[in-house]
């Protein structure tokens, strides 16, 4: 992914108002991020932990999406799989995140959800730069490049549902 500036990030959001995009917290230290190893920029809102954001290139334009974390089931200790990178995590390592469809009203019934790595580090997991806790998923026979392409395709399929 190419390096992004704060104004580019803020102008990319398709499912929140311009005012909300101007107020959302953009990650600090943008120049220090591992841009060459990112398929998308993803981060959590430290002031509102139920909110997450992803910015990526999609169909030739920069797209930003605001997500809301769905309520968790108390006491859940099962393993879950991310729908984007297919990394399997223990317990809370994957969360159901929902996003309002682009250009929709504030109607809560006009959302799309998917399971995503809680830390939004899919790009690092598929490259082996970040690992799941011991007892993680079995090794795949796909190459790193094939995993990257699969993650990008899964993200693109999700983004297509937002239009």
Protein backbone atom coordinates (compact mmCIF):
# COMPACT_ATOMS: atom_id res chain seq x y z
CA UNK A 1 0.00 0.00 0.00
CA UNK A 2 1.26 3.49 -0.72
CA UNK A 3 1.75 5.89 2.18
CA UNK A 4 -1.33 7.95 3.03
CA UNK A 5 -1.65 11.42 4.50
CA UNK A 6 -4.21 12.46 7.09
CA UNK A 7 -6.23 14.59 4.60
CA UNK A 8 -6.37 11.67 2.14
CA UNK A 9 -7.52 9.30 4.88
CA UNK A 10 -10.22 11.69 6.10
CA UNK A 11 -11.56 12.33 2.58
CA UNK A 12 -11.82 8.60 1.79
CA UNK A 13 -14.70 7.63 4.09
CA UNK A 14 -17.83 6.46 2.30
CA UNK A 15 -20.11 5.50 5.19
CA UNK A 16 -19.96 8.42 7.59
CA UNK A 17 -20.57 12.14 7.29
CA UNK A 18 -17.79 14.54 6.34
CA UNK A 19 -17.99 16.00 9.83
CA UNK A 20 -17.59 12.58 11.44
CA UNK A 21 -14.63 11.85 9.14
CA UNK A 22 -12.99 15.09 10.26
CA UNK A 23 -13.43 14.16 13.94
CA UNK A 24 -12.32 10.53 13.85
CA UNK A 25 -8.88 9.75 15.26
CA UNK A 26 -6.28 9.08 12.56
CA UNK A 27 -3.31 6.91 13.59
CA UNK A 28 -0.30 8.82 14.82
CA UNK A 29 3.09 8.36 13.23
CA UNK A 30 1.74 7.64 9.73
CA UNK A 31 5.24 7.90 8.18
CA UNK A 32 6.55 5.10 10.45
CA UNK A 33 3.89 2.53 9.48
CA UNK A 34 5.10 -0.50 7.46
CA UNK A 35 3.31 0.66 4.29
CA UNK A 36 4.98 -1.90 2.02
CA UNK A 37 3.54 -4.68 4.19
CA UNK A 38 -0.02 -3.32 4.40
CA UNK A 39 -2.90 -4.27 2.14
CA UNK A 40 -5.09 -1.83 4.05
CA UNK A 41 -4.68 0.64 6.88
CA UNK A 42 -6.72 -0.53 9.85
CA UNK A 43 -6.96 0.92 13.35
CA UNK A 44 -9.11 1.03 16.48
CA UNK A 45 -10.48 4.16 18.09
CA UNK A 46 -8.78 4.26 21.50
CA UNK A 47 -11.44 6.65 22.86
CA UNK A 48 -14.34 4.52 21.55
CA UNK A 49 -13.22 0.86 21.48
CA UNK A 50 -16.38 -0.25 19.68
CA UNK A 51 -15.23 1.70 16.59
CA UNK A 52 -12.66 0.61 14.01
CA UNK A 53 -11.60 1.96 10.64
CA UNK A 54 -10.16 0.53 7.44
CA UNK A 55 -8.79 2.53 4.51
CA UNK A 56 -7.75 0.80 1.28
CA UNK A 57 -7.67 1.17 -2.45
CA UNK A 58 -10.73 -0.33 -4.11
CA UNK A 59 -11.57 -0.22 -7.80
CA UNK A 60 -9.07 2.57 -8.39
CA UNK A 61 -10.09 4.87 -5.55
CA UNK A 62 -9.26 5.25 -1.90
CA UNK A 63 -12.09 3.94 0.29
CA UNK A 64 -12.46 4.42 4.05
CA UNK A 65 -14.96 2.45 6.12
CA UNK A 66 -16.09 3.04 9.67
CA UNK A 67 -16.95 -0.16 11.57
CA UNK A 68 -18.80 -0.83 14.80
CA UNK A 69 -17.93 -3.87 16.89
CA UNK A 70 -20.93 -6.08 17.52
CA UNK A 71 -21.66 -7.13 21.09
CA UNK A 72 -19.64 -10.11 22.26
CA UNK A 73 -21.07 -13.25 23.75
CA UNK A 74 -19.91 -13.43 27.37
CA UNK A 75 -17.67 -16.34 28.24
CA UNK A 76 -16.94 -17.32 24.63
CA UNK A 77 -13.71 -19.34 24.51
CA UNK A 78 -13.89 -20.89 21.05
CA UNK A 79 -11.53 -20.24 18.17
CA UNK A 80 -12.69 -17.90 15.41
CA UNK A 81 -11.53 -17.21 11.86
CA UNK A 82 -11.12 -13.83 10.20
CA UNK A 83 -13.19 -13.54 7.01
CA UNK A 84 -10.51 -11.44 5.32
CA UNK A 85 -7.19 -13.20 5.94
CA UNK A 86 -8.56 -16.56 7.20
CA UNK A 87 -6.32 -16.43 10.27
CA UNK A 88 -7.71 -18.46 13.16
CA UNK A 89 -7.50 -16.84 16.59
CA UNK A 90 -8.35 -17.99 20.10
CA UNK A 91 -11.35 -16.42 21.89
CA UNK A 92 -11.43 -12.65 21.31
CA UNK A 93 -8.93 -12.47 18.44
CA UNK A 94 -11.72 -12.09 15.87
CA UNK A 95 -14.74 -9.80 16.15
CA UNK A 96 -17.93 -9.31 14.21
CA UNK A 97 -17.70 -5.80 12.81
CA UNK A 98 -20.55 -4.05 11.06
CA UNK A 99 -20.50 -1.09 8.69
CA UNK A 100 -23.30 1.14 7.44
CA UNK A 101 -23.75 0.91 3.71
CA UNK A 102 -22.36 3.83 1.72
CA UNK A 103 -24.66 6.78 1.19
CA UNK A 104 -27.31 5.28 3.45
CA UNK A 105 -29.36 6.93 6.12
CA UNK A 106 -28.62 6.29 9.78
CA UNK A 107 -30.98 3.31 9.54
CA UNK A 108 -29.45 0.56 11.70
CA UNK A 109 -30.93 -2.08 9.39
CA UNK A 110 -28.81 -0.97 6.47
CA UNK A 111 -25.53 -2.52 7.63
CA UNK A 112 -23.21 -5.28 6.51
CA UNK A 113 -21.07 -7.32 8.87
CA UNK A 114 -18.05 -9.58 8.70
CA UNK A 115 -15.60 -11.23 11.07
CA UNK A 116 -12.23 -9.44 11.17
CA UNK A 117 -9.05 -9.82 13.23
CA UNK A 118 -9.60 -7.72 16.37
CA UNK A 119 -6.29 -5.92 15.93
CA UNK A 120 -6.86 -5.35 12.18
CA UNK A 121 -3.41 -6.81 11.45
CA UNK A 122 -4.49 -9.15 8.64
CA UNK A 123 -1.71 -7.93 6.35
CA UNK A 124 0.94 -8.80 8.93
CA UNK A 125 -0.57 -12.23 9.69
CA UNK A 126 -0.60 -13.33 6.03
CA UNK A 127 3.02 -12.23 5.62
CA UNK A 128 4.12 -14.06 8.78
CA UNK A 129 5.25 -10.77 10.35
CA UNK A 130 2.82 -11.23 13.22
CA UNK A 131 1.83 -14.56 14.70
CA UNK A 132 -1.17 -15.87 16.56
CA UNK A 133 -0.61 -17.12 20.09
CA UNK A 134 0.71 -20.67 20.49
CA UNK A 135 -1.69 -23.31 19.32
CA UNK A 136 -2.56 -21.16 16.32
CA UNK A 137 -3.79 -22.29 12.94
CA UNK A 138 -2.23 -25.10 10.95
CA UNK A 139 0.19 -24.19 8.18
CA UNK A 140 -1.35 -23.49 4.79
CA UNK A 141 0.03 -24.70 1.50
CA UNK A 142 -0.53 -21.32 -0.17
CA UNK A 143 2.40 -19.00 -0.81
CA UNK A 144 2.53 -15.62 0.89
CA UNK A 145 1.63 -13.93 -2.41
CA UNK A 146 -1.43 -16.19 -2.77
CA UNK A 147 -2.52 -15.37 0.79
CA UNK A 148 -2.11 -11.66 0.09
CA UNK A 149 -4.22 -11.93 -3.07
CA UNK A 150 -6.89 -13.92 -1.21
CA UNK A 151 -7.03 -11.29 1.58
CA UNK A 152 -7.34 -8.48 -0.97
CA UNK A 153 -10.10 -10.36 -2.82
CA UNK A 154 -12.01 -11.03 0.41
CA UNK A 155 -11.78 -7.36 1.40
CA UNK A 156 -12.89 -6.27 -2.09
CA UNK A 157 -15.89 -8.61 -1.91
CA UNK A 158 -16.89 -7.09 1.43
CA UNK A 159 -16.47 -3.53 0.12
CA UNK A 160 -18.67 -4.38 -2.88
CA UNK A 161 -21.48 -5.17 -0.42
CA UNK A 162 -21.31 -1.63 0.98
CA UNK A 163 -22.44 0.02 -2.27
